[in-house]
PDB file of all heavy atoms in Angstrom:
ATOM      1  N   THR A   1     -24.028  28.550 -97.254  1.00  0.00           N
ATOM      2  CA  THR A   1     -24.806  28.669 -96.015  1.00  0.00           C
ATOM      3  C   THR A   1     -24.499  29.994 -95.323  1.00  0.00           C
ATOM      4  O   THR A   1     -25.409  30.697 -94.848  1.00  0.00           O
ATOM      5  CB  THR A   1     -24.491  27.493 -95.074  1.00  0.00           C
ATOM      6  OG1 THR A   1     -24.807  26.262 -95.732  1.00  0.00           O
ATOM      7  CG2 THR A   1     -25.290  27.602 -93.792  1.00  0.00           C
ATOM      8  N   VAL A   2     -23.208  30.339 -95.279  1.00  0.00           N
ATOM      9  CA  VAL A   2     -22.805  31.627 -94.701  1.00  0.00           C
ATOM     10  C   VAL A   2     -23.426  32.774 -95.489  1.00  0.00           C
ATOM     11  O   VAL A   2     -23.956  33.747 -94.916  1.00  0.00           O
ATOM     12  CB  VAL A   2     -21.271  31.750 -94.687  1.00  0.00           C
ATOM     13  CG1 VAL A   2     -20.845  33.176 -94.312  1.00  0.00           C
ATOM     14  CG2 VAL A   2     -20.667  30.743 -93.713  1.00  0.00           C
ATOM     15  N   LEU A   3     -23.395  32.672 -96.818  1.00  0.00           N
ATOM     16  CA  LEU A   3     -23.954  33.728 -97.666  1.00  0.00           C
ATOM     17  C   LEU A   3     -25.460  33.869 -97.433  1.00  0.00           C
ATOM     18  O   LEU A   3     -25.992  34.992 -97.366  1.00  0.00           O
ATOM     19  CB  LEU A   3     -23.663  33.407 -99.132  1.00  0.00           C
ATOM     20  CG  LEU A   3     -24.085  34.459-100.166  1.00  0.00           C
ATOM     21  CD1 LEU A   3     -23.379  35.782 -99.908  1.00  0.00           C
ATOM     22  CD2 LEU A   3     -23.772  33.965-101.580  1.00  0.00           C
ATOM     23  N   ALA A   4     -26.155  32.744 -97.296  1.00  0.00           N
ATOM     24  CA  ALA A   4     -27.598  32.793 -97.037  1.00  0.00           C
ATOM     25  C   ALA A   4     -27.883  33.493 -95.706  1.00  0.00           C
ATOM     26  O   ALA A   4     -28.819  34.305 -95.606  1.00  0.00           O
ATOM     27  CB  ALA A   4     -28.173  31.376 -97.041  1.00  0.00           C
ATOM     28  N   LEU A   5     -27.076  33.186 -94.692  1.00  0.00           N
ATOM     29  CA  LEU A   5     -27.257  33.834 -93.391  1.00  0.00           C
ATOM     30  C   LEU A   5     -26.965  35.334 -93.466  1.00  0.00           C
ATOM     31  O   LEU A   5     -27.652  36.140 -92.831  1.00  0.00           O
ATOM     32  CB  LEU A   5     -26.360  33.163 -92.348  1.00  0.00           C
ATOM     33  CG  LEU A   5     -26.732  31.711 -91.990  1.00  0.00           C
ATOM     34  CD1 LEU A   5     -25.691  31.113 -91.051  1.00  0.00           C
ATOM     35  CD2 LEU A   5     -28.124  31.649 -91.370  1.00  0.00           C
ATOM     36  N   GLU A   6     -25.948  35.708 -94.247  1.00  0.00           N
ATOM     37  CA  GLU A   6     -25.650  37.136 -94.424  1.00  0.00           C
ATOM     38  C   GLU A   6     -26.840  37.859 -95.053  1.00  0.00           C
ATOM     39  O   GLU A   6     -27.201  38.975 -94.649  1.00  0.00           O
ATOM     40  CB  GLU A   6     -24.408  37.301 -95.305  1.00  0.00           C
ATOM     41  CG  GLU A   6     -23.109  36.878 -94.620  1.00  0.00           C
ATOM     42  CD  GLU A   6     -21.918  36.902 -95.562  1.00  0.00           C
ATOM     43  OE1 GLU A   6     -22.124  37.023 -96.796  1.00  0.00           O
ATOM     44  OE2 GLU A   6     -20.780  36.792 -95.076  1.00  0.00           O
ATOM     45  N   MET A   7     -27.456  37.225 -96.049  1.00  0.00           N
ATOM     46  CA  MET A   7     -28.632  37.837 -96.671  1.00  0.00           C
ATOM     47  C   MET A   7     -29.799  37.918 -95.691  1.00  0.00           C
ATOM     48  O   MET A   7     -30.537  38.906 -95.653  1.00  0.00           O
ATOM     49  CB  MET A   7     -29.039  37.025 -97.902  1.00  0.00           C
ATOM     50  CG  MET A   7     -28.081  37.113 -99.074  1.00  0.00           C
ATOM     51  SD  MET A   7     -28.672  36.114-100.466  1.00  0.00           S
ATOM     52  CE  MET A   7     -27.511  36.597-101.749  1.00  0.00           C
ATOM     53  N   LEU A   8     -29.969  36.864 -94.905  1.00  0.00           N
ATOM     54  CA  LEU A   8     -31.086  36.821 -93.957  1.00  0.00           C
ATOM     55  C   LEU A   8     -31.004  37.953 -92.944  1.00  0.00           C
ATOM     56  O   LEU A   8     -32.017  38.591 -92.632  1.00  0.00           O
ATOM     57  CB  LEU A   8     -31.091  35.470 -93.235  1.00  0.00           C
ATOM     58  CG  LEU A   8     -32.119  35.303 -92.106  1.00  0.00           C
ATOM     59  CD1 LEU A   8     -33.541  35.405 -92.655  1.00  0.00           C
ATOM     60  CD2 LEU A   8     -31.914  33.967 -91.393  1.00  0.00           C
ATOM     61  N   VAL A   9     -29.806  38.222 -92.430  1.00  0.00           N
ATOM     62  CA  VAL A   9     -29.653  39.251 -91.389  1.00  0.00           C
ATOM     63  C   VAL A   9     -29.406  40.629 -91.969  1.00  0.00           C
ATOM     64  O   VAL A   9     -29.251  41.596 -91.226  1.00  0.00           O
ATOM     65  CB  VAL A   9     -28.510  38.872 -90.423  1.00  0.00           C
ATOM     66  CG1 VAL A   9     -28.780  37.525 -89.770  1.00  0.00           C
ATOM     67  CG2 VAL A   9     -27.155  38.868 -91.140  1.00  0.00           C
ATOM     68  N   GLY A  10     -29.354  40.743 -93.302  1.00  0.00           N
ATOM     69  CA  GLY A  10     -29.134  42.056 -93.923  1.00  0.00           C
ATOM     70  C   GLY A  10     -27.724  42.565 -93.754  1.00  0.00           C
ATOM     71  O   GLY A  10     -27.519  43.753 -93.452  1.00  0.00           O
ATOM     72  N   ALA A  11     -26.749  41.711 -93.950  1.00  0.00           N
ATOM     73  CA  ALA A  11     -25.348  42.118 -93.835  1.00  0.00           C
ATOM     74  C   ALA A  11     -25.001  43.178 -94.883  1.00  0.00           C
ATOM     75  O   ALA A  11     -25.688  43.281 -95.912  1.00  0.00           O
ATOM     76  CB  ALA A  11     -24.445  40.897 -94.009  1.00  0.00           C
ATOM     77  N   PRO A  12     -23.961  43.968 -94.665  1.00  0.00           N
ATOM     78  CA  PRO A  12     -23.552  44.964 -95.664  1.00  0.00           C
ATOM     79  C   PRO A  12     -23.266  44.299 -97.016  1.00  0.00           C
ATOM     80  O   PRO A  12     -22.661  43.220 -97.062  1.00  0.00           O
ATOM     81  CB  PRO A  12     -22.273  45.556 -95.060  1.00  0.00           C
ATOM     82  CG  PRO A  12     -22.399  45.311 -93.603  1.00  0.00           C
ATOM     83  CD  PRO A  12     -23.108  44.000 -93.468  1.00  0.00           C
ATOM     84  N   PRO A  13     -23.689  44.904 -98.105  1.00  0.00           N
ATOM     85  CA  PRO A  13     -23.462  44.314 -99.431  1.00  0.00           C
ATOM     86  C   PRO A  13     -22.000  43.996 -99.709  1.00  0.00           C
ATOM     87  O   PRO A  13     -21.702  43.002-100.372  1.00  0.00           O
ATOM     88  CB  PRO A  13     -23.997  45.383-100.385  1.00  0.00           C
ATOM     89  CG  PRO A  13     -25.046  46.098 -99.592  1.00  0.00           C
ATOM     90  CD  PRO A  13     -24.520  46.124 -98.191  1.00  0.00           C
ATOM     91  N   VAL A  14     -21.096  44.817 -99.184  1.00  0.00           N
ATOM     92  CA  VAL A  14     -19.682  44.569 -99.447  1.00  0.00           C
ATOM     93  C   VAL A  14     -19.241  43.247 -98.803  1.00  0.00           C
ATOM     94  O   VAL A  14     -18.421  42.512 -99.377  1.00  0.00           O
ATOM     95  CB  VAL A  14     -18.811  45.746 -98.950  1.00  0.00           C
ATOM     96  CG1 VAL A  14     -18.858  45.863 -97.419  1.00  0.00           C
ATOM     97  CG2 VAL A  14     -17.370  45.589 -99.426  1.00  0.00           C
ATOM     98  N   LEU A  15     -19.778  42.929 -97.637  1.00  0.00           N
ATOM     99  CA  LEU A  15     -19.456  41.659 -96.990  1.00  0.00           C
ATOM    100  C   LEU A  15     -20.014  40.490 -97.808  1.00  0.00           C
ATOM    101  O   LEU A  15     -19.353  39.455 -97.974  1.00  0.00           O
ATOM    102  CB  LEU A  15     -20.021  41.634 -95.572  1.00  0.00           C
ATOM    103  CG  LEU A  15     -19.774  40.334 -94.770  1.00  0.00           C
ATOM    104  CD1 LEU A  15     -18.281  40.065 -94.630  1.00  0.00           C
ATOM    105  CD2 LEU A  15     -20.444  40.417 -93.403  1.00  0.00           C
ATOM    106  N   VAL A  16     -21.217  40.666 -98.331  1.00  0.00           N
ATOM    107  CA  VAL A  16     -21.821  39.632 -99.180  1.00  0.00           C
ATOM    108  C   VAL A  16     -20.957  39.387-100.406  1.00  0.00           C
ATOM    109  O   VAL A  16     -20.705  38.241-100.801  1.00  0.00           O
ATOM    110  CB  VAL A  16     -23.246  40.050 -99.591  1.00  0.00           C
ATOM    111  CG1 VAL A  16     -23.779  39.142-100.699  1.00  0.00           C
ATOM    112  CG2 VAL A  16     -24.172  40.015 -98.386  1.00  0.00           C
ATOM    113  N   LEU A  17     -20.437  40.457-101.005  1.00  0.00           N
ATOM    114  CA  LEU A  17     -19.624  40.302-102.215  1.00  0.00           C
ATOM    115  C   LEU A  17     -18.266  39.672-101.908  1.00  0.00           C
ATOM    116  O   LEU A  17     -17.690  38.997-102.766  1.00  0.00           O
ATOM    117  CB  LEU A  17     -19.438  41.650-102.905  1.00  0.00           C
ATOM    118  CG  LEU A  17     -20.709  42.260-103.513  1.00  0.00           C
ATOM    119  CD1 LEU A  17     -20.375  43.467-104.371  1.00  0.00           C
ATOM    120  CD2 LEU A  17     -21.477  41.226-104.340  1.00  0.00           C
ATOM    121  N   VAL A  18     -17.750  39.883-100.708  1.00  0.00           N
ATOM    122  CA  VAL A  18     -16.516  39.189-100.320  1.00  0.00           C
ATOM    123  C   VAL A  18     -16.760  37.678-100.300  1.00  0.00           C
ATOM    124  O   VAL A  18     -15.949  36.892-100.815  1.00  0.00           O
ATOM    125  CB  VAL A  18     -16.020  39.679 -98.943  1.00  0.00           C
ATOM    126  CG1 VAL A  18     -14.914  38.769 -98.411  1.00  0.00           C
ATOM    127  CG2 VAL A  18     -15.501  41.106 -99.048  1.00  0.00           C
ATOM    128  N   THR A  19     -17.884  37.273 -99.732  1.00  0.00           N
ATOM    129  CA  THR A  19     -18.232  35.846 -99.713  1.00  0.00           C
ATOM    130  C   THR A  19     -18.450  35.323-101.126  1.00  0.00           C
ATOM    131  O   THR A  19     -18.042  34.204-101.460  1.00  0.00           O
ATOM    132  CB  THR A  19     -19.500  35.615 -98.873  1.00  0.00           C
ATOM    133  OG1 THR A  19     -19.333  36.213 -97.582  1.00  0.00           O
ATOM    134  CG2 THR A  19     -19.781  34.134 -98.709  1.00  0.00           C
ATOM    135  N   VAL A  20     -19.067  36.136-101.972  1.00  0.00           N
ATOM    136  CA  VAL A  20     -19.258  35.763-103.378  1.00  0.00           C
ATOM    137  C   VAL A  20     -17.910  35.533-104.048  1.00  0.00           C
ATOM    138  O   VAL A  20     -17.715  34.574-104.805  1.00  0.00           O
ATOM    139  CB  VAL A  20     -20.058  36.852-104.123  1.00  0.00           C
ATOM    140  CG1 VAL A  20     -20.004  36.635-105.635  1.00  0.00           C
ATOM    141  CG2 VAL A  20     -21.508  36.854-103.650  1.00  0.00           C
ATOM    142  N   GLY A  21     -16.953  36.422-103.772  1.00  0.00           N
ATOM    143  CA  GLY A  21     -15.620  36.279-104.357  1.00  0.00           C
ATOM    144  C   GLY A  21     -14.920  35.010-103.897  1.00  0.00           C
ATOM    145  O   GLY A  21     -14.250  34.336-104.694  1.00  0.00           O
ATOM    146  N   VAL A  22     -15.085  34.668-102.618  1.00  0.00           N
ATOM    147  CA  VAL A  22     -14.473  33.436-102.093  1.00  0.00           C
ATOM    148  C   VAL A  22     -15.065  32.212-102.790  1.00  0.00           C
ATOM    149  O   VAL A  22     -14.340  31.287-103.179  1.00  0.00           O
ATOM    150  CB  VAL A  22     -14.683  33.342-100.565  1.00  0.00           C
ATOM    151  CG1 VAL A  22     -14.256  31.971-100.046  1.00  0.00           C
ATOM    152  CG2 VAL A  22     -13.883  34.434 -99.866  1.00  0.00           C
ATOM    153  N   THR A  23     -16.381  32.195-102.965  1.00  0.00           N
ATOM    154  CA  THR A  23     -17.001  31.053-103.635  1.00  0.00           C
ATOM    155  C   THR A  23     -16.589  30.973-105.097  1.00  0.00           C
ATOM    156  O   THR A  23     -16.398  29.873-105.634  1.00  0.00           O
ATOM    157  CB  THR A  23     -18.535  31.131-103.546  1.00  0.00           C
ATOM    158  OG1 THR A  23     -18.994  32.315-104.213  1.00  0.00           O
ATOM    159  CG2 THR A  23     -18.988  31.161-102.103  1.00  0.00           C
ATOM    160  N   ALA A  24     -16.422  32.127-105.745  1.00  0.00           N
ATOM    161  CA  ALA A  24     -15.999  32.129-107.149  1.00  0.00           C
ATOM    162  C   ALA A  24     -14.586  31.570-107.293  1.00  0.00           C
ATOM    163  O   ALA A  24     -14.295  30.784-108.203  1.00  0.00           O
ATOM    164  CB  ALA A  24     -16.063  33.544-107.720  1.00  0.00           C
ATOM    165  N   ALA A  25     -13.693  31.982-106.397  1.00  0.00           N
ATOM    166  CA  ALA A  25     -12.316  31.479-106.443  1.00  0.00           C
ATOM    167  C   ALA A  25     -12.281  29.974-106.194  1.00  0.00           C
ATOM    168  O   ALA A  25     -11.524  29.240-106.849  1.00  0.00           O
ATOM    169  CB  ALA A  25     -11.463  32.208-105.407  1.00  0.00           C
ATOM    170  N   THR A  26     -13.105  29.500-105.263  1.00  0.00           N
ATOM    171  CA  THR A  26     -13.149  28.067-104.960  1.00  0.00           C
ATOM    172  C   THR A  26     -13.695  27.276-106.137  1.00  0.00           C
ATOM    173  O   THR A  26     -13.170  26.208-106.493  1.00  0.00           O
ATOM    174  CB  THR A  26     -14.013  27.815-103.714  1.00  0.00           C
ATOM    175  OG1 THR A  26     -13.520  28.616-102.629  1.00  0.00           O
ATOM    176  CG2 THR A  26     -13.986  26.360-103.311  1.00  0.00           C
ATOM    177  N   SER A  27     -14.748  27.793-106.762  1.00  0.00           N
ATOM    178  CA  SER A  27     -15.344  27.104-107.907  1.00  0.00           C
ATOM    179  C   SER A  27     -14.372  26.983-109.068  1.00  0.00           C
ATOM    180  O   SER A  27     -14.447  26.035-109.859  1.00  0.00           O
ATOM    181  CB  SER A  27     -16.603  27.849-108.366  1.00  0.00           C
ATOM    182  OG  SER A  27     -17.578  27.880-107.349  1.00  0.00           O
ATOM    183  N   THR A  28     -13.448  27.938-109.182  1.00  0.00           N
ATOM    184  CA  THR A  28     -12.484  27.926-110.277  1.00  0.00           C
ATOM    185  C   THR A  28     -11.572  26.708-110.205  1.00  0.00           C
ATOM    186  O   THR A  28     -11.118  26.209-111.230  1.00  0.00           O
ATOM    187  CB  THR A  28     -11.638  29.218-110.236  1.00  0.00           C
ATOM    188  OG1 THR A  28     -12.513  30.341-110.278  1.00  0.00           O
ATOM    189  CG2 THR A  28     -10.694  29.284-111.419  1.00  0.00           C
ATOM    190  N   VAL A  29     -11.320  26.208-109.002  1.00  0.00           N
ATOM    191  CA  VAL A  29     -10.476  25.023-108.845  1.00  0.00           C
ATOM    192  C   VAL A  29     -11.217  23.775-109.330  1.00  0.00           C
ATOM    193  O   VAL A  29     -10.610  22.831-109.842  1.00  0.00           O
ATOM    194  CB  VAL A  29     -10.065  24.855-107.368  1.00  0.00           C
ATOM    195  CG1 VAL A  29      -9.169  23.636-107.190  1.00  0.00           C
ATOM    196  CG2 VAL A  29      -9.364  26.117-106.864  1.00  0.00           C
ATOM    197  N   TYR A  30     -12.529  23.783-109.196  1.00  0.00           N
ATOM    198  CA  TYR A  30     -13.340  22.599-109.496  1.00  0.00           C
ATOM    199  C   TYR A  30     -13.305  22.241-110.980  1.00  0.00           C
ATOM    200  O   TYR A  30     -13.199  21.062-111.344  1.00  0.00           O
ATOM    201  CB  TYR A  30     -14.778  22.853-109.061  1.00  0.00           C
ATOM    202  CG  TYR A  30     -15.622  21.609-108.898  1.00  0.00           C
ATOM    203  CD1 TYR A  30     -15.840  21.058-107.649  1.00  0.00           C
ATOM    204  CD2 TYR A  30     -16.210  20.988-109.997  1.00  0.00           C
ATOM    205  CE1 TYR A  30     -16.607  19.923-107.479  1.00  0.00           C
ATOM    206  CE2 TYR A  30     -16.986  19.853-109.845  1.00  0.00           C
ATOM    207  CZ  TYR A  30     -17.185  19.327-108.586  1.00  0.00           C
ATOM    208  OH  TYR A  30     -17.945  18.204-108.437  1.00  0.00           O
ATOM    209  N   GLU A  31     -13.384  23.254-111.841  1.00  0.00           N
ATOM    210  CA  GLU A  31     -13.548  22.990-113.273  1.00  0.00           C
ATOM    211  C   GLU A  31     -12.369  22.237-113.892  1.00  0.00           C
ATOM    212  O   GLU A  31     -12.589  21.227-114.581  1.00  0.00           O
ATOM    213  CB  GLU A  31     -13.788  24.307-114.023  1.00  0.00           C
ATOM    214  CG  GLU A  31     -14.101  24.133-115.494  1.00  0.00           C
ATOM    215  CD  GLU A  31     -15.348  23.302-115.740  1.00  0.00           C
ATOM    216  OE1 GLU A  31     -16.252  23.297-114.883  1.00  0.00           O
ATOM    217  OE2 GLU A  31     -15.409  22.647-116.811  1.00  0.00           O
ATOM    218  N   PRO A  32     -11.104  22.662-113.696  1.00  0.00           N
ATOM    219  CA  PRO A  32     -10.017  21.866-114.277  1.00  0.00           C
ATOM    220  C   PRO A  32      -9.918  20.467-113.677  1.00  0.00           C
ATOM    221  O   PRO A  32      -9.534  19.521-114.372  1.00  0.00           O
ATOM    222  CB  PRO A  32      -8.762  22.696-113.979  1.00  0.00           C
ATOM    223  CG  PRO A  32      -9.140  23.616-112.872  1.00  0.00           C
ATOM    224  CD  PRO A  32     -10.598  23.895-113.071  1.00  0.00           C
ATOM    225  N   ALA A  33     -10.256  20.331-112.391  1.00  0.00           N
ATOM    226  CA  ALA A  33     -10.238  18.996-111.781  1.00  0.00           C
ATOM    227  C   ALA A  33     -11.267  18.089-112.450  1.00  0.00           C
ATOM    228  O   ALA A  33     -10.993  16.920-112.760  1.00  0.00           O
ATOM    229  CB  ALA A  33     -10.513  19.096-110.278  1.00  0.00           C
TER     230      ALA A  33
END
């Protein structure tokens, strides 16, 4: 939801990629579980 809002308001790409990195790290926990 945060990432969608960042895209909507045209946030800096680097900020978008930080959010992408956070979601990637979180998803990594899901798979072994």
